[in-house]
Amino acid sequence: MGKFHNLVNFTKRYKAEKHSFYMDVASWKKFTSPIALNWTRIAFGEATRTQVPTVRGLYVFTVVAPTLGLPEHGYILYVGETGNTGGATLRFRYGQYLANLNNEDGRPAVFYMMDNWKDDLFFNFVPVPDATIDVKAIQNSFIDALIPPVNKRDIDAKIAAGKAADF
């Protein structure tokens, strides 16, 4: 084997795990919510389904690395809402994601997120039982501030055009 054999293998692995994230701190600082966002975080999986409330609300998928002596850190991968116009609850939506994972169906980017990081994926949620609160508007503002990599829809048209033009 040549001296670059390990370099080639490492590069292939590095490229396979390379993902783009948007970091615009100015946009983050502009984000506001009409309600307090007191998040609950649980490991994503069948074992935690009953911990998710049966009310409407906001949710975020994050991948969080084990600390291993490092500061806790991770990434917000996907932002969603449930129950703004229909009767779906956070637990119902959670169950849909579990079914998509088990059946290997649903949106490709969401399935990839759930399968690829299944051991380090967390479901974070904020119950919003007050029907007068527009959770869709909060979700859209959150998405526009963060531009999570797995969200493909619900992005402001100006941002979506810039994102689509980026190559």
C-alpha atoms as a PDB file:
ATOM      1  CA  MET A   1       0.000   0.000   0.000  1.00  0.00           C
ATOM      2  CA  GLY A   2       1.140   3.501  -0.823  1.00  0.00           C
ATOM      3  CA  LYS A   3       1.622   6.258   1.715  1.00  0.00           C
ATOM      4  CA  PHE A   4      -1.715   7.879   0.768  1.00  0.00           C
ATOM      5  CA  HIS A   5      -3.895   4.754   1.251  1.00  0.00           C
ATOM      6  CA  ASN A   6      -5.116   5.944   4.663  1.00  0.00           C
ATOM      7  CA  LEU A   7      -5.592   9.466   3.301  1.00  0.00           C
ATOM      8  CA  VAL A   8      -7.937   8.187   0.594  1.00  0.00           C
ATOM      9  CA  ASN A   9      -9.969   6.109   3.064  1.00  0.00           C
ATOM     10  CA  PHE A  10     -10.190   8.982   5.544  1.00  0.00           C
ATOM     11  CA  THR A  11     -11.232  11.392   2.800  1.00  0.00           C
ATOM     12  CA  LYS A  12     -14.014   9.049   1.672  1.00  0.00           C
ATOM     13  CA  ARG A  13     -15.287   8.786   5.245  1.00  0.00           C
ATOM     14  CA  TYR A  14     -14.949  12.547   5.783  1.00  0.00           C
ATOM     15  CA  LYS A  15     -16.912  13.345   2.636  1.00  0.00           C
ATOM     16  CA  ALA A  16     -19.631  10.837   3.574  1.00  0.00           C
ATOM     17  CA  GLU A  17     -20.175  12.588   6.913  1.00  0.00           C
ATOM     18  CA  LYS A  18     -19.805  16.168   5.686  1.00  0.00           C
ATOM     19  CA  HIS A  19     -22.989  18.229   5.979  1.00  0.00           C
ATOM     20  CA  SER A  20     -23.669  21.914   5.455  1.00  0.00           C
ATOM     21  CA  PHE A  21     -25.192  24.082   8.150  1.00  0.00           C
ATOM     22  CA  TYR A  22     -26.320  27.676   7.971  1.00  0.00           C
ATOM     23  CA  MET A  23     -25.000  29.940  10.715  1.00  0.00           C
ATOM     24  CA  ASP A  24     -26.213  33.516  10.651  1.00  0.00           C
ATOM     25  CA  VAL A  25     -26.064  34.712  14.230  1.00  0.00           C
ATOM     26  CA  ALA A  26     -27.722  38.018  13.274  1.00  0.00           C
ATOM     27  CA  SER A  27     -30.780  36.064  12.063  1.00  0.00           C
ATOM     28  CA  TRP A  28     -30.768  33.993  15.240  1.00  0.00           C
ATOM     29  CA  LYS A  29     -30.810  37.150  17.357  1.00  0.00           C
ATOM     30  CA  LYS A  30     -33.824  38.515  15.440  1.00  0.00           C
ATOM     31  CA  PHE A  31     -35.963  35.472  16.259  1.00  0.00           C
ATOM     32  CA  THR A  32     -38.781  36.193  18.691  1.00  0.00           C
ATOM     33  CA  SER A  33     -41.661  34.096  19.918  1.00  0.00           C
ATOM     34  CA  PRO A  34     -44.990  35.230  21.353  1.00  0.00           C
ATOM     35  CA  ILE A  35     -44.690  32.467  23.970  1.00  0.00           C
ATOM     36  CA  ALA A  36     -41.932  31.150  26.206  1.00  0.00           C
ATOM     37  CA  LEU A  37     -40.224  28.215  24.508  1.00  0.00           C
ATOM     38  CA  ASN A  38     -39.526  25.846  27.387  1.00  0.00           C
ATOM     39  CA  TRP A  39     -38.176  22.802  25.577  1.00  0.00           C
ATOM     40  CA  THR A  40     -38.255  19.204  26.756  1.00  0.00           C
ATOM     41  CA  ARG A  41     -35.685  16.888  25.159  1.00  0.00           C
ATOM     42  CA  ILE A  42     -36.044  13.123  24.893  1.00  0.00           C
ATOM     43  CA  ALA A  43     -34.102  10.491  23.001  1.00  0.00           C
ATOM     44  CA  PHE A  44     -35.961   9.660  19.779  1.00  0.00           C
ATOM     45  CA  GLY A  45     -37.300   6.117  19.760  1.00  0.00           C
ATOM     46  CA  GLU A  46     -40.250   3.883  20.551  1.00  0.00           C
ATOM     47  CA  ALA A  47     -39.300   3.694  24.253  1.00  0.00           C
ATOM     48  CA  THR A  48     -39.960   7.415  24.794  1.00  0.00           C
ATOM     49  CA  ARG A  49     -43.250   7.768  22.870  1.00  0.00           C
ATOM     50  CA  THR A  50     -45.359   7.981  26.051  1.00  0.00           C
ATOM     51  CA  GLN A  51     -43.270  10.941  27.275  1.00  0.00           C
ATOM     52  CA  VAL A  52     -44.589  13.065  24.405  1.00  0.00           C
ATOM     53  CA  PRO A  53     -47.795  14.913  25.351  1.00  0.00           C
ATOM     54  CA  THR A  54     -51.079  14.578  23.495  1.00  0.00           C
ATOM     55  CA  VAL A  55     -51.404  18.291  22.745  1.00  0.00           C
ATOM     56  CA  ARG A  56     -50.411  20.473  19.824  1.00  0.00           C
ATOM     57  CA  GLY A  57     -47.059  22.225  19.740  1.00  0.00           C
ATOM     58  CA  LEU A  58     -43.644  22.822  18.260  1.00  0.00           C
ATOM     59  CA  TYR A  59     -40.907  20.254  17.891  1.00  0.00           C
ATOM     60  CA  VAL A  60     -37.284  20.127  16.830  1.00  0.00           C
ATOM     61  CA  PHE A  61     -35.048  17.192  15.972  1.00  0.00           C
ATOM     62  CA  THR A  62     -31.480  17.611  17.172  1.00  0.00           C
ATOM     63  CA  VAL A  63     -28.419  15.454  16.972  1.00  0.00           C
ATOM     64  CA  VAL A  64     -26.392  15.747  20.155  1.00  0.00           C
ATOM     65  CA  ALA A  65     -22.988  14.223  20.599  1.00  0.00           C
ATOM     66  CA  PRO A  66     -22.232  12.418  23.844  1.00  0.00           C
ATOM     67  CA  THR A  67     -20.191  14.702  26.064  1.00  0.00           C
ATOM     68  CA  LEU A  68     -17.183  12.416  26.613  1.00  0.00           C
ATOM     69  CA  GLY A  69     -15.592  15.226  28.578  1.00  0.00           C
ATOM     70  CA  LEU A  70     -16.397  17.850  25.944  1.00  0.00           C
ATOM     71  CA  PRO A  71     -18.957  20.645  26.310  1.00  0.00           C
ATOM     72  CA  GLU A  72     -22.410  19.457  25.271  1.00  0.00           C
ATOM     73  CA  HIS A  73     -23.099  20.454  21.697  1.00  0.00           C
ATOM     74  CA  GLY A  74     -25.238  19.458  18.764  1.00  0.00           C
ATOM     75  CA  TYR A  75     -27.211  20.660  15.779  1.00  0.00           C
ATOM     76  CA  ILE A  76     -30.809  21.555  15.118  1.00  0.00           C
ATOM     77  CA  LEU A  77     -31.652  19.481  12.069  1.00  0.00           C
ATOM     78  CA  TYR A  78     -35.407  19.919  11.626  1.00  0.00           C
ATOM     79  CA  VAL A  79     -38.178  22.182  12.962  1.00  0.00           C
ATOM     80  CA  GLY A  80     -41.865  21.273  12.855  1.00  0.00           C
ATOM     81  CA  GLU A  81     -45.265  22.007  14.316  1.00  0.00           C
ATOM     82  CA  THR A  82     -48.436  20.077  14.805  1.00  0.00           C
ATOM     83  CA  GLY A  83     -52.048  20.893  15.484  1.00  0.00           C
ATOM     84  CA  ASN A  84     -52.176  24.415  14.092  1.00  0.00           C
ATOM     85  CA  THR A  85     -55.068  23.656  11.759  1.00  0.00           C
ATOM     86  CA  GLY A  86     -55.806  19.956  12.318  1.00  0.00           C
ATOM     87  CA  GLY A  87     -56.255  17.862  15.402  1.00  0.00           C
ATOM     88  CA  ALA A  88     -52.822  16.226  15.341  1.00  0.00           C
ATOM     89  CA  THR A  89     -50.869  16.165  18.585  1.00  0.00           C
ATOM     90  CA  LEU A  90     -47.175  16.022  19.329  1.00  0.00           C
ATOM     91  CA  ARG A  91     -47.459  12.334  20.264  1.00  0.00           C
ATOM     92  CA  PHE A  92     -49.384  11.537  17.074  1.00  0.00           C
ATOM     93  CA  ARG A  93     -46.728  13.262  14.940  1.00  0.00           C
ATOM     94  CA  TYR A  94     -43.972  11.493  16.891  1.00  0.00           C
ATOM     95  CA  GLY A  95     -45.679   8.185  16.106  1.00  0.00           C
ATOM     96  CA  GLN A  96     -45.776   9.084  12.409  1.00  0.00           C
ATOM     97  CA  TYR A  97     -42.012   9.635  12.435  1.00  0.00           C
ATOM     98  CA  LEU A  98     -41.472   6.283  14.178  1.00  0.00           C
ATOM     99  CA  ALA A  99     -43.656   4.590  11.536  1.00  0.00           C
ATOM    100  CA  ASN A 100     -41.703   6.296   8.729  1.00  0.00           C
ATOM    101  CA  LEU A 101     -38.467   5.041  10.254  1.00  0.00           C
ATOM    102  CA  ASN A 102     -39.778   1.492  10.707  1.00  0.00           C
ATOM    103  CA  ASN A 103     -41.366   1.353   7.233  1.00  0.00           C
ATOM    104  CA  GLU A 104     -38.426   3.110   5.548  1.00  0.00           C
ATOM    105  CA  ASP A 105     -40.739   5.633   3.936  1.00  0.00           C
ATOM    106  CA  GLY A 106     -41.695   9.279   4.230  1.00  0.00           C
ATOM    107  CA  ARG A 107     -39.568  12.191   3.081  1.00  0.00           C
ATOM    108  CA  PRO A 108     -36.051  11.078   2.102  1.00  0.00           C
ATOM    109  CA  ALA A 109     -34.141  13.761   4.042  1.00  0.00           C
ATOM    110  CA  VAL A 110     -36.181  13.129   7.197  1.00  0.00           C
ATOM    111  CA  PHE A 111     -35.704   9.355   6.908  1.00  0.00           C
ATOM    112  CA  TYR A 112     -31.952   9.864   6.400  1.00  0.00           C
ATOM    113  CA  MET A 113     -31.804  12.030   9.538  1.00  0.00           C
ATOM    114  CA  MET A 114     -33.705   9.493  11.647  1.00  0.00           C
ATOM    115  CA  ASP A 115     -31.767   6.479  10.393  1.00  0.00           C
ATOM    116  CA  ASN A 116     -28.267   7.963  10.125  1.00  0.00           C
ATOM    117  CA  TRP A 117     -28.199   9.523  13.598  1.00  0.00           C
ATOM    118  CA  LYS A 118     -30.671   7.201  15.371  1.00  0.00           C
ATOM    119  CA  ASP A 119     -28.370   6.650  18.344  1.00  0.00           C
ATOM    120  CA  ASP A 120     -27.819  10.383  18.916  1.00  0.00           C
ATOM    121  CA  LEU A 121     -31.134  11.865  17.730  1.00  0.00           C
ATOM    122  CA  PHE A 122     -33.371  13.784  20.120  1.00  0.00           C
ATOM    123  CA  PHE A 123     -36.944  15.005  19.856  1.00  0.00           C
ATOM    124  CA  ASN A 124     -37.386  18.366  21.559  1.00  0.00           C
ATOM    125  CA  PHE A 125     -40.866  19.757  22.061  1.00  0.00           C
ATOM    126  CA  VAL A 126     -42.853  22.665  23.450  1.00  0.00           C
ATOM    127  CA  PRO A 127     -46.520  21.952  24.164  1.00  0.00           C
ATOM    128  CA  VAL A 128     -48.793  24.781  22.995  1.00  0.00           C
ATOM    129  CA  PRO A 129     -52.298  23.881  24.174  1.00  0.00           C
ATOM    130  CA  ASP A 130     -53.609  27.449  23.672  1.00  0.00           C
ATOM    131  CA  ALA A 131     -55.435  27.293  20.320  1.00  0.00           C
ATOM    132  CA  THR A 132     -55.131  31.061  19.871  1.00  0.00           C
ATOM    133  CA  ILE A 133     -51.351  30.763  19.431  1.00  0.00           C
ATOM    134  CA  ASP A 134     -50.309  30.350  15.793  1.00  0.00           C
ATOM    135  CA  VAL A 135     -47.684  27.611  16.082  1.00  0.00           C
ATOM    136  CA  LYS A 136     -47.189  27.604  12.302  1.00  0.00           C
ATOM    137  CA  ALA A 137     -46.058  31.258  12.434  1.00  0.00           C
ATOM    138  CA  ILE A 138     -43.606  30.477  15.252  1.00  0.00           C
ATOM    139  CA  GLN A 139     -42.306  27.465  13.311  1.00  0.00           C
ATOM    140  CA  ASN A 140     -41.813  29.534  10.154  1.00  0.00           C
ATOM    141  CA  SER A 141     -39.944  32.269  12.053  1.00  0.00           C
ATOM    142  CA  PHE A 142     -37.762  29.631  13.701  1.00  0.00           C
ATOM    143  CA  ILE A 143     -37.005  27.992  10.343  1.00  0.00           C
ATOM    144  CA  ASP A 144     -36.149  31.345   8.753  1.00  0.00           C
ATOM    145  CA  ALA A 145     -33.783  32.187  11.621  1.00  0.00           C
ATOM    146  CA  LEU A 146     -31.976  28.839  11.605  1.00  0.00           C
ATOM    147  CA  ILE A 147     -32.537  27.341   8.143  1.00  0.00           C
ATOM    148  CA  PRO A 148     -32.207  23.776   9.459  1.00  0.00           C
ATOM    149  CA  PRO A 149     -30.639  21.472   6.872  1.00  0.00           C
ATOM    150  CA  VAL A 150     -33.464  18.915   6.802  1.00  0.00           C
ATOM    151  CA  ASN A 151     -36.282  21.461   6.383  1.00  0.00           C
ATOM    152  CA  LYS A 152     -37.049  21.801   2.690  1.00  0.00           C
ATOM    153  CA  ARG A 153     -40.467  23.455   2.932  1.00  0.00           C
ATOM    154  CA  ASP A 154     -41.846  26.356   4.977  1.00  0.00           C
ATOM    155  CA  ILE A 155     -38.812  28.527   4.247  1.00  0.00           C
ATOM    156  CA  ASP A 156     -39.420  32.166   3.296  1.00  0.00           C
ATOM    157  CA  ALA A 157     -39.346  32.574  -0.503  1.00  0.00           C
ATOM    158  CA  LYS A 158     -36.357  34.958  -0.452  1.00  0.00           C
ATOM    159  CA  ILE A 159     -34.340  32.573   1.700  1.00  0.00           C
ATOM    160  CA  ALA A 160     -35.436  29.531  -0.313  1.00  0.00           C
ATOM    161  CA  ALA A 161     -34.343  31.196  -3.561  1.00  0.00           C
ATOM    162  CA  GLY A 162     -30.924  32.037  -2.138  1.00  0.00           C
ATOM    163  CA  LYS A 163     -30.567  28.539  -0.722  1.00  0.00           C
ATOM    164  CA  ALA A 164     -31.566  26.959  -4.033  1.00  0.00           C
ATOM    165  CA  ALA A 165     -29.115  29.169  -5.939  1.00  0.00           C
ATOM    166  CA  ASP A 166     -26.244  28.158  -3.644  1.00  0.00           C
ATOM    167  CA  PHE A 167     -24.244  25.378  -5.250  1.00  0.00           C
END
